C-alpha atoms as a PDB file:
ATOM      1  CA  MET A   1      -0.037   0.160   0.036  1.00  0.00           C
ATOM      2  CA  GLN A   2       1.174   3.354  -0.941  1.00  0.00           C
ATOM      3  CA  LEU A   3       0.695   6.143   1.683  1.00  0.00           C
ATOM      4  CA  ARG A   4       1.024   9.918   1.788  1.00  0.00           C
ATOM      5  CA  LEU A   5       3.410  11.289   4.350  1.00  0.00           C
ATOM      6  CA  HIS A   6       0.404  13.036   6.189  1.00  0.00           C
ATOM      7  CA  GLN A   7      -1.167   9.582   6.406  1.00  0.00           C
ATOM      8  CA  LEU A   8       1.556   7.704   8.184  1.00  0.00           C
ATOM      9  CA  ALA A   9       0.820   8.807  11.805  1.00  0.00           C
ATOM     10  CA  SER A  10      -2.832   7.565  11.708  1.00  0.00           C
ATOM     11  CA  HIS A  11      -1.621   4.320  10.013  1.00  0.00           C
ATOM     12  CA  LEU A  12       0.934   3.633  12.664  1.00  0.00           C
ATOM     13  CA  ALA A  13      -2.009   4.097  15.349  1.00  0.00           C
ATOM     14  CA  GLY A  14      -3.370   0.732  13.978  1.00  0.00           C
ATOM     15  CA  LYS A  15      -2.063  -2.605  12.777  1.00  0.00           C
ATOM     16  CA  LEU A  16       1.619  -2.349  11.705  1.00  0.00           C
ATOM     17  CA  ALA A  17       2.846  -3.744   8.363  1.00  0.00           C
ATOM     18  CA  PRO A  18       5.904  -6.147   8.017  1.00  0.00           C
ATOM     19  CA  ILE A  19       7.723  -3.764   5.489  1.00  0.00           C
ATOM     20  CA  TYR A  20       8.092  -0.115   5.443  1.00  0.00           C
ATOM     21  CA  LEU A  21       9.806   1.706   2.528  1.00  0.00           C
ATOM     22  CA  VAL A  22      10.478   5.568   2.985  1.00  0.00           C
ATOM     23  CA  SER A  23      11.879   7.258  -0.010  1.00  0.00           C
ATOM     24  CA  GLY A  24      12.692  10.821  -1.068  1.00  0.00           C
ATOM     25  CA  ASP A  25      15.185  13.673  -0.830  1.00  0.00           C
ATOM     26  CA  GLU A  26      13.963  15.974   2.052  1.00  0.00           C
ATOM     27  CA  PRO A  27      16.103  15.073   4.763  1.00  0.00           C
ATOM     28  CA  LEU A  28      14.115  16.262   7.841  1.00  0.00           C
ATOM     29  CA  GLN A  29      10.831  14.747   6.838  1.00  0.00           C
ATOM     30  CA  LEU A  30      12.623  11.542   5.718  1.00  0.00           C
ATOM     31  CA  ARG A  31      14.327  11.268   9.143  1.00  0.00           C
ATOM     32  CA  GLU A  32      11.236  11.972  11.207  1.00  0.00           C
ATOM     33  CA  ALA A  33       9.046   9.535   9.242  1.00  0.00           C
ATOM     34  CA  LEU A  34      11.692   6.888   9.868  1.00  0.00           C
ATOM     35  CA  ASP A  35      11.799   7.792  13.655  1.00  0.00           C
ATOM     36  CA  HIS A  36       8.229   7.640  13.780  1.00  0.00           C
ATOM     37  CA  ILE A  37       7.988   4.140  12.537  1.00  0.00           C
ATOM     38  CA  ARG A  38      11.029   2.952  14.750  1.00  0.00           C
ATOM     39  CA  ALA A  39       9.549   4.340  17.904  1.00  0.00           C
ATOM     40  CA  THR A  40       6.135   2.700  17.124  1.00  0.00           C
ATOM     41  CA  ALA A  41       7.852  -0.611  16.439  1.00  0.00           C
ATOM     42  CA  ARG A  42       9.663  -0.404  19.664  1.00  0.00           C
ATOM     43  CA  ALA A  43       6.759   0.505  21.613  1.00  0.00           C
ATOM     44  CA  THR A  44       4.697  -2.526  20.079  1.00  0.00           C
ATOM     45  CA  GLY A  45       7.450  -5.050  21.105  1.00  0.00           C
ATOM     46  CA  PHE A  46      10.175  -5.041  18.398  1.00  0.00           C
ATOM     47  CA  THR A  47      12.761  -4.363  21.132  1.00  0.00           C
ATOM     48  CA  GLU A  48      15.821  -5.399  18.997  1.00  0.00           C
ATOM     49  CA  ARG A  49      17.043  -3.730  16.104  1.00  0.00           C
ATOM     50  CA  THR A  50      19.770  -4.592  13.343  1.00  0.00           C
ATOM     51  CA  ALA A  51      20.991  -1.752  11.376  1.00  0.00           C
ATOM     52  CA  ILE A  52      22.145  -2.637   7.901  1.00  0.00           C
ATOM     53  CA  GLN A  53      23.871  -0.282   5.563  1.00  0.00           C
ATOM     54  CA  ALA A  54      23.718  -1.352   1.840  1.00  0.00           C
ATOM     55  CA  ASP A  55      25.831   0.267  -0.521  1.00  0.00           C
ATOM     56  CA  ALA A  56      27.095  -0.661  -4.143  1.00  0.00           C
ATOM     57  CA  SER A  57      29.429  -3.488  -2.604  1.00  0.00           C
ATOM     58  CA  PHE A  58      26.902  -4.810  -0.089  1.00  0.00           C
ATOM     59  CA  ASP A  59      26.451  -8.567  -0.101  1.00  0.00           C
ATOM     60  CA  TRP A  60      22.416  -8.998  -0.480  1.00  0.00           C
ATOM     61  CA  GLY A  61      22.733 -12.490   0.887  1.00  0.00           C
ATOM     62  CA  LEU A  62      23.326 -10.783   4.336  1.00  0.00           C
ATOM     63  CA  LEU A  63      19.603  -9.574   4.337  1.00  0.00           C
ATOM     64  CA  GLU A  64      18.350 -13.167   4.205  1.00  0.00           C
ATOM     65  CA  TYR A  65      20.645 -14.288   6.712  1.00  0.00           C
ATOM     66  CA  SER A  66      19.623 -11.476   9.115  1.00  0.00           C
ATOM     67  CA  ALA A  67      15.987 -12.258   8.250  1.00  0.00           C
ATOM     68  CA  ASP A  68      16.525 -15.994   8.995  1.00  0.00           C
ATOM     69  CA  SER A  69      18.679 -15.855  12.039  1.00  0.00           C
ATOM     70  CA  LEU A  70      17.153 -16.201  15.352  1.00  0.00           C
ATOM     71  CA  SER A  71      17.157 -13.255  17.710  1.00  0.00           C
ATOM     72  CA  LEU A  72      19.367 -13.575  20.845  1.00  0.00           C
ATOM     73  CA  PHE A  73      17.376 -11.108  22.920  1.00  0.00           C
ATOM     74  CA  ALA A  74      13.859 -10.558  21.838  1.00  0.00           C
ATOM     75  CA  GLU A  75      11.160 -12.156  20.136  1.00  0.00           C
ATOM     76  CA  LYS A  76      10.684  -9.462  17.558  1.00  0.00           C
ATOM     77  CA  ARG A  77      13.286  -7.430  15.751  1.00  0.00           C
ATOM     78  CA  VAL A  78      13.551  -4.431  13.436  1.00  0.00           C
ATOM     79  CA  LEU A  79      15.743  -4.855  10.398  1.00  0.00           C
ATOM     80  CA  ASP A  80      16.869  -1.203   9.622  1.00  0.00           C
ATOM     81  CA  LEU A  81      18.045  -1.350   6.093  1.00  0.00           C
ATOM     82  CA  THR A  82      19.581   1.937   4.531  1.00  0.00           C
ATOM     83  CA  ILE A  83      20.190   1.652   0.902  1.00  0.00           C
ATOM     84  CA  THR A  84      22.782   3.997  -0.827  1.00  0.00           C
ATOM     85  CA  LEU A  85      21.595   4.088  -4.309  1.00  0.00           C
ATOM     86  CA  ALA A  86      24.689   3.618  -7.216  1.00  0.00           C
ATOM     87  CA  GLY A  87      23.572   6.194  -9.882  1.00  0.00           C
ATOM     88  CA  GLY A  88      20.015   6.442  -8.271  1.00  0.00           C
ATOM     89  CA  LYS A  89      19.518   2.915  -9.238  1.00  0.00           C
ATOM     90  CA  ILE A  90      18.821  -0.398  -7.253  1.00  0.00           C
ATOM     91  CA  GLY A  91      20.856  -2.992  -8.828  1.00  0.00           C
ATOM     92  CA  GLU A  92      19.923  -6.467  -9.903  1.00  0.00           C
ATOM     93  CA  ALA A  93      21.287  -8.228  -6.752  1.00  0.00           C
ATOM     94  CA  ALA A  94      19.326  -5.878  -4.491  1.00  0.00           C
ATOM     95  CA  ALA A  95      16.060  -6.075  -6.378  1.00  0.00           C
ATOM     96  CA  ARG A  96      16.150  -9.806  -6.415  1.00  0.00           C
ATOM     97  CA  ALA A  97      16.723  -9.871  -2.652  1.00  0.00           C
ATOM     98  CA  LEU A  98      14.147  -7.336  -1.872  1.00  0.00           C
ATOM     99  CA  ALA A  99      11.610  -9.121  -4.137  1.00  0.00           C
ATOM    100  CA  ASN A 100      12.211 -12.418  -2.323  1.00  0.00           C
ATOM    101  CA  TYR A 101      11.987 -10.861   1.208  1.00  0.00           C
ATOM    102  CA  ALA A 102       8.707  -9.272   0.308  1.00  0.00           C
ATOM    103  CA  ALA A 103       7.174 -12.559  -1.085  1.00  0.00           C
ATOM    104  CA  ARG A 104       7.735 -14.069   2.355  1.00  0.00           C
ATOM    105  CA  PRO A 105       8.324 -11.518   5.135  1.00  0.00           C
ATOM    106  CA  HIS A 106       9.434 -12.906   8.410  1.00  0.00           C
ATOM    107  CA  PRO A 107       6.423 -12.886  10.958  1.00  0.00           C
ATOM    108  CA  ASP A 108       8.504 -11.644  13.728  1.00  0.00           C
ATOM    109  CA  HIS A 109      10.499  -9.118  11.974  1.00  0.00           C
ATOM    110  CA  MET A 110       9.902  -5.780  10.727  1.00  0.00           C
ATOM    111  CA  LEU A 111      12.075  -4.434   7.658  1.00  0.00           C
ATOM    112  CA  ILE A 112      12.289  -0.385   7.615  1.00  0.00           C
ATOM    113  CA  MET A 113      13.862   0.561   4.445  1.00  0.00           C
ATOM    114  CA  ASN A 114      15.005   4.279   3.338  1.00  0.00           C
ATOM    115  CA  THR A 115      16.439   5.369   0.250  1.00  0.00           C
ATOM    116  CA  GLY A 116      17.180   8.564  -1.526  1.00  0.00           C
ATOM    117  CA  LYS A 117      14.886   9.578  -4.274  1.00  0.00           C
ATOM    118  CA  LEU A 118      13.639   6.940  -6.367  1.00  0.00           C
ATOM    119  CA  GLU A 119      13.229   7.227 -10.144  1.00  0.00           C
ATOM    120  CA  ALA A 120       9.730   6.782 -11.751  1.00  0.00           C
ATOM    121  CA  HIS A 121      10.857   3.446 -13.460  1.00  0.00           C
ATOM    122  CA  THR A 122      12.065   2.151 -10.342  1.00  0.00           C
ATOM    123  CA  LYS A 123       8.859   2.340  -8.785  1.00  0.00           C
ATOM    124  CA  LYS A 124       7.289   0.154 -11.719  1.00  0.00           C
ATOM    125  CA  SER A 125       9.813  -2.448 -11.059  1.00  0.00           C
ATOM    126  CA  HIS A 126       8.783  -5.999  -9.729  1.00  0.00           C
ATOM    127  CA  TRP A 127      10.781  -5.709  -6.308  1.00  0.00           C
ATOM    128  CA  TYR A 128       8.920  -2.354  -5.678  1.00  0.00           C
ATOM    129  CA  ARG A 129       5.419  -3.830  -6.591  1.00  0.00           C
ATOM    130  CA  GLN A 130       6.210  -6.838  -4.134  1.00  0.00           C
ATOM    131  CA  VAL A 131       7.355  -4.437  -1.461  1.00  0.00           C
ATOM    132  CA  GLN A 132       4.082  -2.372  -1.971  1.00  0.00           C
ATOM    133  CA  THR A 133       1.795  -5.349  -1.836  1.00  0.00           C
ATOM    134  CA  ALA A 134       3.667  -6.771   1.304  1.00  0.00           C
ATOM    135  CA  GLY A 135       3.987  -3.324   3.151  1.00  0.00           C
ATOM    136  CA  ILE A 136       3.804   0.304   3.065  1.00  0.00           C
ATOM    137  CA  THR A 137       5.612   2.530   0.843  1.00  0.00           C
ATOM    138  CA  VAL A 138       5.968   6.331   1.541  1.00  0.00           C
ATOM    139  CA  GLU A 139       7.417   8.953  -0.565  1.00  0.00           C
ATOM    140  CA  VAL A 140       8.888  12.296   0.863  1.00  0.00           C
ATOM    141  CA  TRP A 141       8.682  15.218  -1.110  1.00  0.00           C
ATOM    142  CA  PRO A 142      10.009  18.818  -0.364  1.00  0.00           C
ATOM    143  CA  ILE A 143       7.394  21.021   0.579  1.00  0.00           C
ATOM    144  CA  PRO A 144       6.284  23.623  -2.188  1.00  0.00           C
ATOM    145  CA  ALA A 145       6.586  27.206  -1.248  1.00  0.00           C
ATOM    146  CA  HIS A 146       2.907  27.833  -1.087  1.00  0.00           C
ATOM    147  CA  SER A 147       2.482  25.002   1.348  1.00  0.00           C
ATOM    148  CA  LEU A 148       5.317  26.004   3.772  1.00  0.00           C
ATOM    149  CA  PRO A 149       3.249  28.587   5.790  1.00  0.00           C
ATOM    150  CA  ALA A 150       1.025  25.709   6.849  1.00  0.00           C
ATOM    151  CA  TRP A 151       3.754  23.490   7.686  1.00  0.00           C
ATOM    152  CA  VAL A 152       5.247  26.318   9.922  1.00  0.00           C
ATOM    153  CA  ARG A 153       1.895  26.828  11.568  1.00  0.00           C
ATOM    154  CA  GLU A 154       1.363  23.312  12.236  1.00  0.00           C
ATOM    155  CA  ARG A 155       4.809  22.598  13.569  1.00  0.00           C
ATOM    156  CA  ALA A 156       4.704  25.720  15.742  1.00  0.00           C
ATOM    157  CA  GLN A 157       1.396  24.472  17.340  1.00  0.00           C
ATOM    158  CA  ARG A 158       2.812  21.188  18.028  1.00  0.00           C
ATOM    159  CA  LEU A 159       5.523  22.917  20.309  1.00  0.00           C
ATOM    160  CA  GLY A 160       2.975  25.075  21.794  1.00  0.00           C
ATOM    161  CA  LEU A 161       4.379  28.360  19.907  1.00  0.00           C
ATOM    162  CA  ARG A 162       1.749  30.838  18.875  1.00  0.00           C
ATOM    163  CA  LEU A 163       2.852  32.829  15.797  1.00  0.00           C
ATOM    164  CA  THR A 164       1.050  35.808  14.068  1.00  0.00           C
ATOM    165  CA  ASP A 165       0.215  35.457  10.331  1.00  0.00           C
ATOM    166  CA  ALA A 166       3.129  37.890   9.446  1.00  0.00           C
ATOM    167  CA  ALA A 167       5.588  35.846  11.546  1.00  0.00           C
ATOM    168  CA  THR A 168       4.307  32.539  10.056  1.00  0.00           C
ATOM    169  CA  LEU A 169       4.887  33.934   6.583  1.00  0.00           C
ATOM    170  CA  PHE A 170       8.297  35.426   7.343  1.00  0.00           C
ATOM    171  CA  LEU A 171       9.591  32.247   8.761  1.00  0.00           C
ATOM    172  CA  ALA A 172       8.212  30.191   5.759  1.00  0.00           C
ATOM    173  CA  GLU A 173      10.122  32.366   3.424  1.00  0.00           C
ATOM    174  CA  ARG A 174      13.344  32.405   5.390  1.00  0.00           C
ATOM    175  CA  GLY A 175      13.202  28.603   5.673  1.00  0.00           C
ATOM    176  CA  GLU A 176      12.348  27.444   2.145  1.00  0.00           C
ATOM    177  CA  GLY A 177      14.549  24.780   1.030  1.00  0.00           C
ATOM    178  CA  ASN A 178      15.928  24.090   4.440  1.00  0.00           C
ATOM    179  CA  LEU A 179      13.306  22.608   6.753  1.00  0.00           C
ATOM    180  CA  PHE A 180      16.113  21.456   9.352  1.00  0.00           C
ATOM    181  CA  ALA A 181      17.122  25.203   9.974  1.00  0.00           C
ATOM    182  CA  LEU A 182      13.426  26.251   9.979  1.00  0.00           C
ATOM    183  CA  ALA A 183      12.619  23.842  12.590  1.00  0.00           C
ATOM    184  CA  GLN A 184      15.524  24.793  14.644  1.00  0.00           C
ATOM    185  CA  GLU A 185      14.377  28.392  14.412  1.00  0.00           C
ATOM    186  CA  LEU A 186      10.987  27.388  15.766  1.00  0.00           C
ATOM    187  CA  GLU A 187      12.595  25.436  18.571  1.00  0.00           C
ATOM    188  CA  LYS A 188      14.524  28.476  19.522  1.00  0.00           C
ATOM    189  CA  LEU A 189      11.494  30.764  19.368  1.00  0.00           C
ATOM    190  CA  TYR A 190       9.613  28.539  21.695  1.00  0.00           C
ATOM    191  CA  LEU A 191      12.525  28.502  24.196  1.00  0.00           C
ATOM    192  CA  LEU A 192      12.750  32.233  24.025  1.00  0.00           C
ATOM    193  CA  HIS A 193       8.980  33.131  24.306  1.00  0.00           C
ATOM    194  CA  GLY A 194       7.320  30.138  25.414  1.00  0.00           C
ATOM    195  CA  PRO A 195       3.449  29.909  24.686  1.00  0.00           C
ATOM    196  CA  ALA A 196       3.068  33.789  24.228  1.00  0.00           C
ATOM    197  CA  ILE A 197       2.099  35.086  20.936  1.00  0.00           C
ATOM    198  CA  VAL A 198       5.141  35.958  18.980  1.00  0.00           C
ATOM    199  CA  ASP A 199       4.943  38.566  16.207  1.00  0.00           C
ATOM    200  CA  ILE A 200       7.090  39.403  13.220  1.00  0.00           C
ATOM    201  CA  ASP A 201       9.199  41.685  15.018  1.00  0.00           C
ATOM    202  CA  GLN A 202      10.111  39.282  17.531  1.00  0.00           C
ATOM    203  CA  VAL A 203      10.680  36.723  14.818  1.00  0.00           C
ATOM    204  CA  PHE A 204      12.986  39.093  12.920  1.00  0.00           C
ATOM    205  CA  CYS A 205      15.103  39.899  15.988  1.00  0.00           C
ATOM    206  CA  ALA A 206      15.547  36.293  16.874  1.00  0.00           C
ATOM    207  CA  VAL A 207      16.363  35.138  13.180  1.00  0.00           C
ATOM    208  CA  ALA A 208      18.555  38.060  12.701  1.00  0.00           C
ATOM    209  CA  ASP A 209      20.560  37.375  15.694  1.00  0.00           C
ATOM    210  CA  SER A 210      21.168  33.751  14.702  1.00  0.00           C
ATOM    211  CA  ALA A 211      21.347  33.902  11.049  1.00  0.00           C
ATOM    212  CA  ARG A 212      23.068  37.128  10.445  1.00  0.00           C
ATOM    213  CA  PHE A 213      25.850  35.056   8.850  1.00  0.00           C
ATOM    214  CA  GLN A 214      23.616  33.565   6.002  1.00  0.00           C
ATOM    215  CA  PRO A 215      23.603  35.007   2.791  1.00  0.00           C
ATOM    216  CA  PHE A 216      19.855  35.696   2.570  1.00  0.00           C
ATOM    217  CA  ASP A 217      20.294  38.163   5.260  1.00  0.00           C
ATOM    218  CA  LEU A 218      22.809  39.942   3.300  1.00  0.00           C
ATOM    219  CA  VAL A 219      20.522  40.091   0.379  1.00  0.00           C
ATOM    220  CA  ASP A 220      17.788  41.646   2.591  1.00  0.00           C
ATOM    221  CA  SER A 221      19.931  44.238   4.137  1.00  0.00           C
ATOM    222  CA  THR A 222      21.013  45.549   0.593  1.00  0.00           C
ATOM    223  CA  LEU A 223      17.710  45.635  -0.826  1.00  0.00           C
ATOM    224  CA  LEU A 224      16.638  47.688   2.193  1.00  0.00           C
ATOM    225  CA  GLY A 225      19.656  50.153   1.620  1.00  0.00           C
ATOM    226  CA  ASP A 226      20.973  49.354   5.142  1.00  0.00           C
ATOM    227  CA  ALA A 227      24.695  50.029   4.309  1.00  0.00           C
ATOM    228  CA  PRO A 228      26.017  49.652   7.924  1.00  0.00           C
ATOM    229  CA  ARG A 229      24.238  46.368   8.516  1.00  0.00           C
ATOM    230  CA  THR A 230      25.297  45.017   5.074  1.00  0.00           C
ATOM    231  CA  VAL A 231      28.951  45.523   5.703  1.00  0.00           C
ATOM    232  CA  ARG A 232      28.602  43.812   9.202  1.00  0.00           C
ATOM    233  CA  ILE A 233      26.946  40.949   7.740  1.00  0.00           C
ATOM    234  CA  LEU A 234      29.275  40.570   4.930  1.00  0.00           C
ATOM    235  CA  ARG A 235      32.113  40.606   7.416  1.00  0.00           C
ATOM    236  CA  GLY A 236      30.417  37.842   9.406  1.00  0.00           C
ATOM    237  CA  LEU A 237      29.750  35.712   6.338  1.00  0.00           C
ATOM    238  CA  GLN A 238      33.732  36.016   5.526  1.00  0.00           C
ATOM    239  CA  GLU A 239      34.593  35.206   9.261  1.00  0.00           C
ATOM    240  CA  GLU A 240      32.212  32.080   8.929  1.00  0.00           C
ATOM    241  CA  ASP A 241      34.376  30.949   5.795  1.00  0.00           C
ATOM    242  CA  ILE A 242      31.229  31.067   3.714  1.00  0.00           C
ATOM    243  CA  ALA A 243      32.099  30.401   0.078  1.00  0.00           C
ATOM    244  CA  PRO A 244      32.109  33.525  -1.991  1.00  0.00           C
ATOM    245  CA  GLN A 245      30.277  31.921  -4.829  1.00  0.00           C
ATOM    246  CA  LEU A 246      27.328  31.323  -2.462  1.00  0.00           C
ATOM    247  CA  VAL A 247      27.254  35.026  -1.514  1.00  0.00           C
ATOM    248  CA  LEU A 248      27.319  36.127  -5.009  1.00  0.00           C
ATOM    249  CA  GLY A 249      24.835  33.577  -6.248  1.00  0.00           C
ATOM    250  CA  ALA A 250      22.345  34.774  -3.606  1.00  0.00           C
ATOM    251  CA  LEU A 251      22.945  38.498  -4.624  1.00  0.00           C
ATOM    252  CA  ALA A 252      22.826  37.788  -8.359  1.00  0.00           C
ATOM    253  CA  TRP A 253      19.540  36.038  -8.288  1.00  0.00           C
ATOM    254  CA  GLU A 254      17.950  39.094  -6.626  1.00  0.00           C
ATOM    255  CA  VAL A 255      19.530  41.375  -8.884  1.00  0.00           C
ATOM    256  CA  ARG A 256      18.294  39.585 -11.987  1.00  0.00           C
ATOM    257  CA  ALA A 257      14.790  39.625 -10.509  1.00  0.00           C
ATOM    258  CA  LEU A 258      15.028  43.259  -9.916  1.00  0.00           C
ATOM    259  CA  ALA A 259      16.212  43.948 -13.466  1.00  0.00           C
ATOM    260  CA  ARG A 260      13.401  42.208 -14.719  1.00  0.00           C
ATOM    261  CA  MET A 261      10.836  43.989 -12.698  1.00  0.00           C
ATOM    262  CA  GLY A 262      12.336  47.191 -13.377  1.00  0.00           C
ATOM    263  CA  ARG A 263      12.089  46.802 -17.246  1.00  0.00           C
ATOM    264  CA  ARG A 264       8.586  45.823 -16.780  1.00  0.00           C
ATOM    265  CA  LEU A 265       7.823  48.905 -14.548  1.00  0.00           C
ATOM    266  CA  ASP A 266       9.250  51.060 -17.322  1.00  0.00           C
ATOM    267  CA  ARG A 267       6.679  49.537 -19.711  1.00  0.00           C
ATOM    268  CA  GLY A 268       3.955  50.667 -17.488  1.00  0.00           C
ATOM    269  CA  GLU A 269       3.115  47.432 -15.395  1.00  0.00           C
ATOM    270  CA  ARG A 270       1.970  47.672 -11.850  1.00  0.00           C
ATOM    271  CA  LEU A 271       4.449  46.658  -8.978  1.00  0.00           C
ATOM    272  CA  GLU A 272       1.821  44.429  -7.173  1.00  0.00           C
ATOM    273  CA  GLN A 273       1.353  42.478 -10.463  1.00  0.00           C
ATOM    274  CA  LEU A 274       5.107  41.918 -10.883  1.00  0.00           C
ATOM    275  CA  LEU A 275       5.578  40.939  -7.482  1.00  0.00           C
ATOM    276  CA  ASN A 276       2.609  38.259  -7.882  1.00  0.00           C
ATOM    277  CA  ALA A 277       4.450  37.146 -11.233  1.00  0.00           C
ATOM    278  CA  GLU A 278       7.660  36.754  -9.414  1.00  0.00           C
ATOM    279  CA  ARG A 279       6.018  34.806  -6.553  1.00  0.00           C
ATOM    280  CA  VAL A 280       7.388  37.298  -3.962  1.00  0.00           C
ATOM    281  CA  TRP A 281       6.326  36.486  -0.353  1.00  0.00           C
ATOM    282  CA  ARG A 282       4.458  39.351   1.282  1.00  0.00           C
ATOM    283  CA  PRO A 283       7.098  39.896   4.072  1.00  0.00           C
ATOM    284  CA  ARG A 284       9.676  40.515   1.371  1.00  0.00           C
ATOM    285  CA  ARG A 285       7.828  42.788  -0.803  1.00  0.00           C
ATOM    286  CA  HIS A 286       8.621  45.863   1.333  1.00  0.00           C
ATOM    287  CA  ALA A 287      12.424  45.183   0.728  1.00  0.00           C
ATOM    288  CA  LEU A 288      12.166  44.713  -2.977  1.00  0.00           C
ATOM    289  CA  GLN A 289       9.815  47.834  -3.356  1.00  0.00           C
ATOM    290  CA  LYS A 290      12.482  49.878  -1.612  1.00  0.00           C
ATOM    291  CA  ALA A 291      15.172  48.692  -3.886  1.00  0.00           C
ATOM    292  CA  LEU A 292      12.993  49.350  -7.104  1.00  0.00           C
ATOM    293  CA  ASP A 293      12.138  52.926  -5.725  1.00  0.00           C
ATOM    294  CA  ARG A 294      15.859  53.626  -4.881  1.00  0.00           C
ATOM    295  CA  HIS A 295      17.201  53.016  -8.309  1.00  0.00           C
ATOM    296  CA  ARG A 296      16.143  53.387 -12.041  1.00  0.00           C
ATOM    297  CA  PRO A 297      16.125  50.151 -14.105  1.00  0.00           C
ATOM    298  CA  ALA A 298      19.392  51.050 -15.895  1.00  0.00           C
ATOM    299  CA  HIS A 299      20.920  50.864 -12.486  1.00  0.00           C
ATOM    300  CA  TRP A 300      20.281  47.054 -12.131  1.00  0.00           C
ATOM    301  CA  LEU A 301      21.951  46.517 -15.352  1.00  0.00           C
ATOM    302  CA  ASP A 302      25.083  48.127 -13.906  1.00  0.00           C
ATOM    303  CA  VAL A 303      24.750  45.915 -10.906  1.00  0.00           C
ATOM    304  CA  MET A 304      24.644  42.891 -12.989  1.00  0.00           C
ATOM    305  CA  ALA A 305      27.851  44.040 -14.881  1.00  0.00           C
ATOM    306  CA  ALA A 306      29.400  44.608 -11.479  1.00  0.00           C
ATOM    307  CA  ALA A 307      28.422  41.181 -10.402  1.00  0.00           C
ATOM    308  CA  ALA A 308      29.932  39.617 -13.347  1.00  0.00           C
ATOM    309  CA  GLU A 309      33.224  41.360 -12.637  1.00  0.00           C
ATOM    310  CA  VAL A 310      33.177  39.808  -9.153  1.00  0.00           C
ATOM    311  CA  ASP A 311      32.443  36.469 -10.653  1.00  0.00           C
ATOM    312  CA  ARG A 312      35.760  37.047 -12.603  1.00  0.00           C
ATOM    313  CA  THR A 313      37.677  37.895  -9.520  1.00  0.00           C
ATOM    314  CA  ILE A 314      36.390  34.809  -7.777  1.00  0.00           C
ATOM    315  CA  LYS A 315      37.402  32.786 -10.678  1.00  0.00           C
ATOM    316  CA  GLY A 316      40.915  34.235 -10.769  1.00  0.00           C
ATOM    317  CA  LEU A 317      40.188  35.862 -13.994  1.00  0.00           C
ATOM    318  CA  ALA A 318      40.800  39.337 -12.670  1.00  0.00           C
ATOM    319  CA  PRO A 319      42.888  40.876  -9.974  1.00  0.00           C
ATOM    320  CA  GLY A 320      41.553  42.105  -6.678  1.00  0.00           C
ATOM    321  CA  ASN A 321      40.409  40.947  -3.184  1.00  0.00           C
ATOM    322  CA  VAL A 322      37.106  38.902  -3.417  1.00  0.00           C
ATOM    323  CA  TRP A 323      35.539  39.956  -0.324  1.00  0.00           C
ATOM    324  CA  ASP A 324      36.489  43.761  -1.021  1.00  0.00           C
ATOM    325  CA  GLU A 325      34.702  43.316  -4.614  1.00  0.00           C
ATOM    326  CA  LEU A 326      31.763  41.782  -2.674  1.00  0.00           C
ATOM    327  CA  GLN A 327      31.509  44.594  -0.302  1.00  0.00           C
ATOM    328  CA  ARG A 328      31.745  47.098  -3.184  1.00  0.00           C
ATOM    329  CA  LEU A 329      28.899  45.211  -4.949  1.00  0.00           C
ATOM    330  CA  CYS A 330      26.591  45.051  -1.840  1.00  0.00           C
ATOM    331  CA  LEU A 331      27.008  48.781  -1.474  1.00  0.00           C
ATOM    332  CA  LEU A 332      26.375  49.535  -5.052  1.00  0.00           C
ATOM    333  CA  ILE A 333      22.946  47.508  -4.417  1.00  0.00           C
ATOM    334  CA  CYS A 334      22.447  49.532  -1.194  1.00  0.00           C
ATOM    335  CA  GLY A 335      22.805  52.942  -3.235  1.00  0.00           C
ATOM    336  CA  VAL A 336      26.353  53.632  -2.101  1.00  0.00           C
ATOM    337  CA  ARG A 337      28.942  54.000  -4.935  1.00  0.00           C
ATOM    338  CA  ILE A 338      32.676  54.151  -3.553  1.00  0.00           C
ATOM    339  CA  PHE A 339      33.991  54.715  -6.914  1.00  0.00           C
ATOM    340  CA  PRO A 340      33.044  53.507 -10.339  1.00  0.00           C
ATOM    341  CA  TYR A 341      33.521  49.713 -11.203  1.00  0.00           C
ATOM    342  CA  ASN A 342      35.683  50.593 -14.143  1.00  0.00           C
ATOM    343  CA  ASP A 343      37.979  52.566 -11.933  1.00  0.00           C
ATOM    344  CA  VAL A 344      38.608  49.946  -9.581  1.00  0.00           C
ATOM    345  CA  ARG A 345      41.661  48.415 -11.104  1.00  0.00           C
ATOM    346  CA  ALA A 346      42.918  51.502 -12.843  1.00  0.00           C
END
């Protein structure tokens, strides 16, 4: 049987299956789903656990051996199988062993498998269908941006944390693509504020304090035109040994979006429509609007050219100190031009 991730908890409250396969490439949800299955198994008498790491050189005969061997300490045992896919595929020996096991699962064993993301053709294979017939398969997908606020709200409620709508949206935007970091931020907010209602200003202060050394904070600071804070954050990123390529990539992504929106504003399109088209979260719209109000569209083309020069410096194709060049680029976005870029290396 195939279950969606949100159906797993209600399933585990009932009769357990002999096999569970959890696949996907979102690490937090994958880990928590596996932990939930393991904890439920332990609570229902599967008190012994055998961990098996299966990579490309694994002898799949050991799976059959582990399944058939008698438990020394308990009547019920969990076989916890982590499969490292070679090129994203299950090999022939693995497929054969898994199909054989699924055809006759051990009555006193629970096989819990986890893999990375499985290709569509793998899910049509004989071994996968055998596993799905004998047990449960769960696919873990990254949470799309439009669903992230609901995830933040639900997780905050589980912690006992109460967030305003604006605070929820702000956190969702900050945590997109990194649920581990977002989960940690929510736990920290609960430790700081307990069950009190937490608004966007409190969230901003807490996140800024802990995440000031992350590139997205630098991006926001430059868009708002806050030159002193921008320099402070950039120095922090340098001290943390953040790769300059990551910093430049975050800045360049935003600058390209501003260049696109600037051109369309010049053609008479409305800002609200542009922000919707770019799928900009409402808490970020103020920063982008300030940047667009501060500079004419032609300025963003100059910034893109400056970013290209920084990229050349990072790659060693042009002279200069990479972090000095990044600072000059950031200040240019802020609206502070120390001196023209074409004079930098004169």
